[in-house]
Amino acid sequence: MMDMYLIILVAILGMISFYGLIAYFLVRFISKKAFKLTLSKYEMMEIMTWLAVLFITFMMIKAHSMNLLLPVVVLIIPLINLRRSNRKQRELN
């Protein structure tokens, strides 16, 4: 029984990392080709976190469930910190 949970955990973590990596390179590729803009790592993380918030919010509305409200709130907290660090990064440059 424990092996099954371990396999499920590894599969979920693998999917999250795989799709996160795809999103990272896709956002980077689109910003370079479409907007002729090179983003910093802070801006990339901020865009990916906003995409995650939008996806979770869409799933929450689609499922008519308030259970996903906590992950949205937990993702908004790093967005506030990322915004602050982006400001500091721009001021240094």
Protein backbone atom coordinates (compact mmCIF):
# COMPACT_ATOMS: atom_id res chain seq x y z
CA MET A 1 0.00 0.00 0.00
CA MET A 2 2.83 2.37 0.86
CA ASP A 3 4.56 1.69 -2.46
CA MET A 4 1.45 2.82 -4.31
CA TYR A 5 1.42 6.16 -2.46
CA LEU A 6 5.11 6.65 -3.17
CA ILE A 7 4.61 5.98 -6.87
CA ILE A 8 1.68 8.42 -6.96
CA LEU A 9 3.73 11.08 -5.14
CA VAL A 10 6.67 10.69 -7.52
CA ALA A 11 4.34 10.83 -10.53
CA ILE A 12 2.66 14.02 -9.30
CA LEU A 13 5.98 15.71 -8.52
CA GLY A 14 7.32 14.64 -11.92
CA MET A 15 4.29 16.11 -13.70
CA ILE A 16 4.58 19.38 -11.80
CA SER A 17 8.26 19.75 -12.59
CA PHE A 18 7.80 18.72 -16.24
CA TYR A 19 4.95 21.15 -16.89
CA GLY A 20 6.74 23.89 -14.96
CA LEU A 21 9.81 23.43 -17.14
CA ILE A 22 7.69 23.51 -20.30
CA ALA A 23 5.94 26.68 -19.11
CA TYR A 24 9.27 28.32 -18.28
CA PHE A 25 10.73 27.74 -21.72
CA LEU A 26 7.47 28.53 -23.51
CA VAL A 27 7.08 31.90 -21.77
CA ARG A 28 10.74 32.65 -22.42
CA PHE A 29 10.42 31.72 -26.11
CA ILE A 30 7.24 33.78 -26.59
CA SER A 31 8.75 36.84 -24.90
CA LYS A 32 11.85 36.65 -27.10
CA LYS A 33 10.11 36.00 -30.42
CA ALA A 34 6.86 37.92 -30.11
CA PHE A 35 7.85 40.88 -27.96
CA LYS A 36 11.62 41.03 -28.63
CA LEU A 37 12.14 41.16 -24.88
CA THR A 38 14.52 39.23 -22.65
CA LEU A 39 13.06 38.65 -19.21
CA SER A 40 15.00 38.27 -15.98
CA LYS A 41 14.53 35.21 -13.80
CA TYR A 42 12.39 37.22 -11.37
CA GLU A 43 10.04 38.33 -14.13
CA MET A 44 9.81 34.74 -15.43
CA MET A 45 8.89 33.42 -11.99
CA GLU A 46 6.32 36.17 -11.59
CA ILE A 47 4.68 35.36 -14.94
CA MET A 48 4.61 31.64 -14.15
CA THR A 49 3.07 32.28 -10.73
CA TRP A 50 0.38 34.52 -12.29
CA LEU A 51 -0.37 31.75 -14.78
CA ALA A 52 -0.71 29.27 -11.91
CA VAL A 53 -3.08 31.63 -10.06
CA LEU A 54 -5.20 32.08 -13.18
CA PHE A 55 -5.31 28.33 -13.81
CA ILE A 56 -6.31 27.49 -10.24
CA THR A 57 -8.94 30.25 -10.26
CA PHE A 58 -10.35 28.92 -13.53
CA MET A 59 -10.51 25.40 -12.11
CA MET A 60 -12.18 26.72 -8.96
CA ILE A 61 -14.87 28.46 -11.00
CA LYS A 62 -15.30 25.45 -13.29
CA ALA A 63 -15.70 22.99 -10.39
CA HIS A 64 -17.91 25.36 -8.35
CA SER A 65 -15.68 24.66 -5.38
CA MET A 66 -14.14 26.96 -2.81
CA ASN A 67 -11.60 24.29 -1.76
CA LEU A 68 -9.04 25.72 -4.17
CA LEU A 69 -9.19 29.18 -2.60
CA LEU A 70 -6.35 28.39 -0.18
CA PRO A 71 -3.79 27.56 -2.94
CA VAL A 72 -4.66 30.84 -4.69
CA VAL A 73 -4.05 32.79 -1.50
CA VAL A 74 -0.83 30.87 -0.87
CA LEU A 75 0.36 31.71 -4.42
CA ILE A 76 -0.49 35.41 -4.08
CA ILE A 77 1.89 35.80 -1.11
CA PRO A 78 5.01 34.95 -3.21
CA LEU A 79 3.71 37.29 -5.91
CA ILE A 80 3.86 40.19 -3.48
CA ASN A 81 7.44 39.27 -2.54
CA LEU A 82 8.39 38.84 -6.20
CA ARG A 83 7.00 42.27 -7.02
CA ARG A 84 9.13 43.80 -4.25
CA SER A 85 12.27 42.01 -5.39
CA ASN A 86 11.59 43.05 -9.01
CA ARG A 87 11.46 46.68 -7.90
CA LYS A 88 14.75 46.29 -6.03
CA GLN A 89 16.32 44.59 -9.05
CA ARG A 90 15.22 47.40 -11.38
CA GLU A 91 16.52 50.05 -8.97
CA LEU A 92 19.94 48.37 -8.89
CA ASN A 93 20.13 48.33 -12.68
